[in-house]
């Protein structure tokens, strides 16, 4: 039982470490994508503002 128990402990630790790394990766990519989306949205808003100013002049 000792060897099987240690193998189970190590596999559980490896699994939870993998979940932790996946969580960190997904959090980072999500944050990056939110930043890109907000940047794109701000650029679109500026472009619309510039185009509407051109038509009013």
C-alpha atoms as a PDB file:
ATOM      1  CA  UNK A   1       0.000   0.000   0.000  1.00  0.00           C
ATOM      2  CA  UNK A   2       2.925   2.352   0.602  1.00  0.00           C
ATOM      3  CA  UNK A   3       4.081   2.503  -3.025  1.00  0.00           C
ATOM      4  CA  UNK A   4       0.547   2.842  -4.393  1.00  0.00           C
ATOM      5  CA  UNK A   5      -0.213   5.542  -1.857  1.00  0.00           C
ATOM      6  CA  UNK A   6       2.905   7.520  -2.810  1.00  0.00           C
ATOM      7  CA  UNK A   7       2.105   7.124  -6.506  1.00  0.00           C
ATOM      8  CA  UNK A   8      -1.406   8.421  -5.846  1.00  0.00           C
ATOM      9  CA  UNK A   9      -0.041  11.352  -3.871  1.00  0.00           C
ATOM     10  CA  UNK A  10       2.383  12.264  -6.645  1.00  0.00           C
ATOM     11  CA  UNK A  11      -0.238  11.938  -9.356  1.00  0.00           C
ATOM     12  CA  UNK A  12      -2.620  14.141  -7.360  1.00  0.00           C
ATOM     13  CA  UNK A  13       0.130  16.738  -6.825  1.00  0.00           C
ATOM     14  CA  UNK A  14       0.972  16.688 -10.537  1.00  0.00           C
ATOM     15  CA  UNK A  15      -2.705  17.044 -11.432  1.00  0.00           C
ATOM     16  CA  UNK A  16      -3.280  19.976  -9.087  1.00  0.00           C
ATOM     17  CA  UNK A  17      -0.064  21.642 -10.259  1.00  0.00           C
ATOM     18  CA  UNK A  18      -1.301  21.289 -13.844  1.00  0.00           C
ATOM     19  CA  UNK A  19      -4.627  22.832 -12.890  1.00  0.00           C
ATOM     20  CA  UNK A  20      -2.812  25.699 -11.196  1.00  0.00           C
ATOM     21  CA  UNK A  21      -0.679  26.365 -14.265  1.00  0.00           C
ATOM     22  CA  UNK A  22      -3.715  26.154 -16.538  1.00  0.00           C
ATOM     23  CA  UNK A  23      -5.538  28.650 -14.320  1.00  0.00           C
ATOM     24  CA  UNK A  24      -2.615  31.076 -14.404  1.00  0.00           C
ATOM     25  CA  UNK A  25      -2.302  30.712 -18.195  1.00  0.00           C
ATOM     26  CA  UNK A  26      -6.023  31.234 -18.799  1.00  0.00           C
ATOM     27  CA  UNK A  27      -6.120  34.232 -16.460  1.00  0.00           C
ATOM     28  CA  UNK A  28      -3.188  35.842 -18.259  1.00  0.00           C
ATOM     29  CA  UNK A  29      -4.569  35.231 -21.747  1.00  0.00           C
ATOM     30  CA  UNK A  30      -8.035  36.413 -20.708  1.00  0.00           C
ATOM     31  CA  UNK A  31      -6.595  39.621 -19.256  1.00  0.00           C
ATOM     32  CA  UNK A  32      -4.529  40.187 -22.398  1.00  0.00           C
ATOM     33  CA  UNK A  33      -7.560  39.649 -24.633  1.00  0.00           C
ATOM     34  CA  UNK A  34      -9.674  42.040 -22.558  1.00  0.00           C
ATOM     35  CA  UNK A  35      -6.911  44.645 -22.920  1.00  0.00           C
ATOM     36  CA  UNK A  36      -6.764  44.088 -26.695  1.00  0.00           C
ATOM     37  CA  UNK A  37     -10.539  44.323 -26.961  1.00  0.00           C
ATOM     38  CA  UNK A  38     -10.672  47.575 -25.031  1.00  0.00           C
ATOM     39  CA  UNK A  39      -7.820  49.005 -27.100  1.00  0.00           C
ATOM     40  CA  UNK A  40      -9.607  48.031 -30.314  1.00  0.00           C
ATOM     41  CA  UNK A  41     -12.856  49.539 -29.078  1.00  0.00           C
ATOM     42  CA  UNK A  42     -11.135  52.814 -28.152  1.00  0.00           C
ATOM     43  CA  UNK A  43      -9.458  52.955 -31.564  1.00  0.00           C
ATOM     44  CA  UNK A  44     -12.829  52.440 -33.273  1.00  0.00           C
ATOM     45  CA  UNK A  45     -14.388  55.189 -31.178  1.00  0.00           C
ATOM     46  CA  UNK A  46     -11.597  57.621 -32.119  1.00  0.00           C
ATOM     47  CA  UNK A  47     -11.948  56.690 -35.791  1.00  0.00           C
ATOM     48  CA  UNK A  48     -15.708  57.292 -35.685  1.00  0.00           C
ATOM     49  CA  UNK A  49     -15.165  60.638 -33.969  1.00  0.00           C
ATOM     50  CA  UNK A  50     -12.607  61.726 -36.583  1.00  0.00           C
ATOM     51  CA  UNK A  51     -14.879  60.664 -39.443  1.00  0.00           C
ATOM     52  CA  UNK A  52     -17.866  62.510 -38.004  1.00  0.00           C
ATOM     53  CA  UNK A  53     -15.739  65.675 -37.586  1.00  0.00           C
ATOM     54  CA  UNK A  54     -14.666  65.466 -41.243  1.00  0.00           C
ATOM     55  CA  UNK A  55     -18.268  65.358 -42.431  1.00  0.00           C
ATOM     56  CA  UNK A  56     -19.354  68.342 -40.330  1.00  0.00           C
ATOM     57  CA  UNK A  57     -16.628  70.642 -41.615  1.00  0.00           C
END
